Amino acid sequence: MKPARYSGFTLVEVMIALAIVAILASIAYPSYQEQVRKSRRGDCAGELQLLANAMERSFTLTGTYPAGLPAGFSATCPMDGGTPVYNFAAVGGATFTVSAAPTGQQAGDKCGTLTLTNLGVRGITGASGGLTPQDCW
């Protein structure tokens, strides 16, 4: 009788394949997380522009910018619900500055707090790594 031939993978082959997958995942996952942060930042930067527009509308009605967020404006991003990733704030008067501070899942964002003034000047505060507003907006 001939001995039976077994086919399949050896334990060593499976462990090598598993190690390769683990190395690829350890490289890809941080990049994926950064892309998700960048996407959230972009969404909230757009909503920050909507907040600036609401401040301008309030100015046309009252002749001054509101001291805080305009009535009816959500204090968090995303505005349509979901888990908040940025908190909005506004300082008004003769001029205004609106800001979006990262929170929750976005707290580790390297761009820090996004700001926008009544003159349309975009800025960042608390950024790490020498980033400029152009890098984050």
C-alpha atoms as a PDB file:
ATOM      1  CA  MET A   1       0.000   0.000   0.000  1.00  0.00           C
ATOM      2  CA  LYS A   2       1.080   3.508  -0.727  1.00  0.00           C
ATOM      3  CA  PRO A   3       1.227   5.932   2.174  1.00  0.00           C
ATOM      4  CA  ALA A   4      -1.564   8.538   2.210  1.00  0.00           C
ATOM      5  CA  ARG A   5      -0.589  11.972   0.898  1.00  0.00           C
ATOM      6  CA  TYR A   6      -1.809  14.866   2.900  1.00  0.00           C
ATOM      7  CA  SER A   7      -2.402  18.160   1.180  1.00  0.00           C
ATOM      8  CA  GLY A   8      -2.778  21.553   2.757  1.00  0.00           C
ATOM      9  CA  PHE A   9      -0.679  24.134   4.550  1.00  0.00           C
ATOM     10  CA  THR A  10       1.817  23.484   7.256  1.00  0.00           C
ATOM     11  CA  LEU A  11       1.688  25.384  10.499  1.00  0.00           C
ATOM     12  CA  VAL A  12       4.848  27.269   9.530  1.00  0.00           C
ATOM     13  CA  GLU A  13       3.313  28.433   6.245  1.00  0.00           C
ATOM     14  CA  VAL A  14       0.174  29.634   8.012  1.00  0.00           C
ATOM     15  CA  MET A  15       2.219  31.520  10.621  1.00  0.00           C
ATOM     16  CA  ILE A  16       4.306  33.221   7.910  1.00  0.00           C
ATOM     17  CA  ALA A  17       1.147  34.310   6.067  1.00  0.00           C
ATOM     18  CA  LEU A  18      -0.324  35.580   9.329  1.00  0.00           C
ATOM     19  CA  ALA A  19       2.834  37.566  10.087  1.00  0.00           C
ATOM     20  CA  ILE A  20       2.740  39.166   6.620  1.00  0.00           C
ATOM     21  CA  VAL A  21      -0.918  40.163   7.067  1.00  0.00           C
ATOM     22  CA  ALA A  22      -0.171  41.589  10.535  1.00  0.00           C
ATOM     23  CA  ILE A  23       2.704  43.705   9.179  1.00  0.00           C
ATOM     24  CA  LEU A  24       0.553  45.056   6.338  1.00  0.00           C
ATOM     25  CA  ALA A  25      -2.297  45.847   8.752  1.00  0.00           C
ATOM     26  CA  SER A  26       0.032  47.662  11.146  1.00  0.00           C
ATOM     27  CA  ILE A  27       1.132  49.893   8.271  1.00  0.00           C
ATOM     28  CA  ALA A  28      -2.294  50.432   6.699  1.00  0.00           C
ATOM     29  CA  TYR A  29      -4.460  51.059   9.792  1.00  0.00           C
ATOM     30  CA  PRO A  30      -2.799  54.314  10.959  1.00  0.00           C
ATOM     31  CA  SER A  31      -3.023  55.649   7.405  1.00  0.00           C
ATOM     32  CA  TYR A  32      -6.708  54.726   7.306  1.00  0.00           C
ATOM     33  CA  GLN A  33      -7.332  56.494  10.627  1.00  0.00           C
ATOM     34  CA  GLU A  34      -5.625  59.659   9.358  1.00  0.00           C
ATOM     35  CA  GLN A  35      -7.790  59.646   6.217  1.00  0.00           C
ATOM     36  CA  VAL A  36     -10.938  59.320   8.364  1.00  0.00           C
ATOM     37  CA  ARG A  37      -9.777  62.279  10.504  1.00  0.00           C
ATOM     38  CA  LYS A  38      -9.074  64.291   7.356  1.00  0.00           C
ATOM     39  CA  SER A  39     -12.547  63.510   6.015  1.00  0.00           C
ATOM     40  CA  ARG A  40     -14.230  64.549   9.277  1.00  0.00           C
ATOM     41  CA  ARG A  41     -12.131  67.733   9.355  1.00  0.00           C
ATOM     42  CA  GLY A  42     -13.242  68.591   5.811  1.00  0.00           C
ATOM     43  CA  ASP A  43     -16.905  68.031   6.637  1.00  0.00           C
ATOM     44  CA  CYS A  44     -16.703  70.212   9.730  1.00  0.00           C
ATOM     45  CA  ALA A  45     -14.701  72.906   7.942  1.00  0.00           C
ATOM     46  CA  GLY A  46     -17.641  73.168   5.549  1.00  0.00           C
ATOM     47  CA  GLU A  47     -20.058  73.396   8.462  1.00  0.00           C
ATOM     48  CA  LEU A  48     -17.829  76.057  10.037  1.00  0.00           C
ATOM     49  CA  GLN A  49     -18.299  78.076   6.845  1.00  0.00           C
ATOM     50  CA  LEU A  50     -22.068  77.645   7.274  1.00  0.00           C
ATOM     51  CA  LEU A  51     -21.706  79.001  10.809  1.00  0.00           C
ATOM     52  CA  ALA A  52     -19.847  82.043   9.453  1.00  0.00           C
ATOM     53  CA  ASN A  53     -22.657  82.560   6.937  1.00  0.00           C
ATOM     54  CA  ALA A  54     -25.223  82.414   9.764  1.00  0.00           C
ATOM     55  CA  MET A  55     -23.203  85.028  11.666  1.00  0.00           C
ATOM     56  CA  GLU A  56     -23.261  87.287   8.584  1.00  0.00           C
ATOM     57  CA  ARG A  57     -27.031  86.823   8.200  1.00  0.00           C
ATOM     58  CA  SER A  58     -27.493  87.811  11.827  1.00  0.00           C
ATOM     59  CA  PHE A  59     -25.355  90.911  11.235  1.00  0.00           C
ATOM     60  CA  THR A  60     -27.546  91.993   8.315  1.00  0.00           C
ATOM     61  CA  LEU A  61     -30.624  91.765  10.557  1.00  0.00           C
ATOM     62  CA  THR A  62     -29.277  93.359  13.738  1.00  0.00           C
ATOM     63  CA  GLY A  63     -26.215  95.392  12.738  1.00  0.00           C
ATOM     64  CA  THR A  64     -23.951  93.386  15.058  1.00  0.00           C
ATOM     65  CA  TYR A  65     -22.612  89.863  15.212  1.00  0.00           C
ATOM     66  CA  PRO A  66     -24.136  87.619  17.898  1.00  0.00           C
ATOM     67  CA  ALA A  67     -22.052  87.116  21.060  1.00  0.00           C
ATOM     68  CA  GLY A  68     -22.323  83.332  20.721  1.00  0.00           C
ATOM     69  CA  LEU A  69     -23.746  80.862  18.259  1.00  0.00           C
ATOM     70  CA  PRO A  70     -26.693  82.162  16.216  1.00  0.00           C
ATOM     71  CA  ALA A  71     -30.114  80.968  17.342  1.00  0.00           C
ATOM     72  CA  GLY A  72     -30.932  77.504  16.058  1.00  0.00           C
ATOM     73  CA  PHE A  73     -27.359  76.665  15.067  1.00  0.00           C
ATOM     74  CA  SER A  74     -25.994  73.334  16.301  1.00  0.00           C
ATOM     75  CA  ALA A  75     -23.070  73.502  18.722  1.00  0.00           C
ATOM     76  CA  THR A  76     -21.517  70.284  17.393  1.00  0.00           C
ATOM     77  CA  CYS A  77     -20.371  68.808  14.139  1.00  0.00           C
ATOM     78  CA  PRO A  78     -21.868  66.906  12.418  1.00  0.00           C
ATOM     79  CA  MET A  79     -24.886  69.198  12.634  1.00  0.00           C
ATOM     80  CA  ASP A  80     -27.298  66.534  11.406  1.00  0.00           C
ATOM     81  CA  GLY A  81     -26.633  64.248  14.371  1.00  0.00           C
ATOM     82  CA  GLY A  82     -24.299  61.398  14.989  1.00  0.00           C
ATOM     83  CA  THR A  83     -21.308  61.277  17.281  1.00  0.00           C
ATOM     84  CA  PRO A  84     -19.881  64.792  17.782  1.00  0.00           C
ATOM     85  CA  VAL A  85     -16.323  65.187  16.513  1.00  0.00           C
ATOM     86  CA  TYR A  86     -16.032  68.999  16.748  1.00  0.00           C
ATOM     87  CA  ASN A  87     -17.557  71.580  19.075  1.00  0.00           C
ATOM     88  CA  PHE A  88     -18.447  74.955  17.565  1.00  0.00           C
ATOM     89  CA  ALA A  89     -17.951  78.275  19.313  1.00  0.00           C
ATOM     90  CA  ALA A  90     -18.452  81.873  18.226  1.00  0.00           C
ATOM     91  CA  VAL A  91     -17.309  85.215  19.580  1.00  0.00           C
ATOM     92  CA  GLY A  92     -19.120  88.193  18.111  1.00  0.00           C
ATOM     93  CA  GLY A  93     -19.579  91.921  18.438  1.00  0.00           C
ATOM     94  CA  ALA A  94     -18.183  94.342  15.843  1.00  0.00           C
ATOM     95  CA  THR A  95     -16.268  91.401  14.303  1.00  0.00           C
ATOM     96  CA  PHE A  96     -16.506  87.665  14.786  1.00  0.00           C
ATOM     97  CA  THR A  97     -14.363  84.573  15.073  1.00  0.00           C
ATOM     98  CA  VAL A  98     -15.909  81.128  14.838  1.00  0.00           C
ATOM     99  CA  SER A  99     -14.034  78.003  15.809  1.00  0.00           C
ATOM    100  CA  ALA A 100     -14.342  74.239  15.699  1.00  0.00           C
ATOM    101  CA  ALA A 101     -12.475  72.367  18.449  1.00  0.00           C
ATOM    102  CA  PRO A 102     -11.883  68.638  17.952  1.00  0.00           C
ATOM    103  CA  THR A 103     -13.491  66.303  20.481  1.00  0.00           C
ATOM    104  CA  GLY A 104     -14.202  62.607  20.908  1.00  0.00           C
ATOM    105  CA  GLN A 105     -12.801  60.476  18.093  1.00  0.00           C
ATOM    106  CA  GLN A 106     -11.286  63.557  16.474  1.00  0.00           C
ATOM    107  CA  ALA A 107      -9.436  64.694  19.635  1.00  0.00           C
ATOM    108  CA  GLY A 108      -6.114  63.373  18.304  1.00  0.00           C
ATOM    109  CA  ASP A 109      -6.312  65.472  15.136  1.00  0.00           C
ATOM    110  CA  LYS A 110      -2.948  67.066  14.407  1.00  0.00           C
ATOM    111  CA  CYS A 111      -4.572  70.260  13.058  1.00  0.00           C
ATOM    112  CA  GLY A 112      -6.098  71.281  16.384  1.00  0.00           C
ATOM    113  CA  THR A 113      -8.845  73.906  16.432  1.00  0.00           C
ATOM    114  CA  LEU A 114     -10.016  75.419  13.139  1.00  0.00           C
ATOM    115  CA  THR A 115     -10.876  79.142  13.177  1.00  0.00           C
ATOM    116  CA  LEU A 116     -12.540  81.519  10.730  1.00  0.00           C
ATOM    117  CA  THR A 117     -12.983  85.297  11.037  1.00  0.00           C
ATOM    118  CA  ASN A 118     -15.464  87.761   9.554  1.00  0.00           C
ATOM    119  CA  LEU A 119     -12.767  88.725   7.031  1.00  0.00           C
ATOM    120  CA  GLY A 120     -12.581  85.123   5.806  1.00  0.00           C
ATOM    121  CA  VAL A 121      -9.183  84.471   7.394  1.00  0.00           C
ATOM    122  CA  ARG A 122      -8.765  80.769   8.083  1.00  0.00           C
ATOM    123  CA  GLY A 123      -6.543  79.696  10.940  1.00  0.00           C
ATOM    124  CA  ILE A 124      -5.587  76.853  13.241  1.00  0.00           C
ATOM    125  CA  THR A 125      -4.598  76.809  16.891  1.00  0.00           C
ATOM    126  CA  GLY A 126      -2.966  73.988  18.791  1.00  0.00           C
ATOM    127  CA  ALA A 127      -1.623  72.291  15.667  1.00  0.00           C
ATOM    128  CA  SER A 128       1.298  69.901  15.940  1.00  0.00           C
ATOM    129  CA  GLY A 129       4.149  69.338  13.539  1.00  0.00           C
ATOM    130  CA  GLY A 130       4.446  72.851  12.108  1.00  0.00           C
ATOM    131  CA  LEU A 131       1.227  72.650  10.087  1.00  0.00           C
ATOM    132  CA  THR A 132      -0.183  75.720   8.369  1.00  0.00           C
ATOM    133  CA  PRO A 133      -3.853  76.615   7.833  1.00  0.00           C
ATOM    134  CA  GLN A 134      -3.461  75.609   4.175  1.00  0.00           C
ATOM    135  CA  ASP A 135      -2.513  72.104   5.301  1.00  0.00           C
ATOM    136  CA  CYS A 136      -5.643  71.735   7.415  1.00  0.00           C
ATOM    137  CA  TRP A 137      -8.345  73.577   5.511  1.00  0.00           C
END
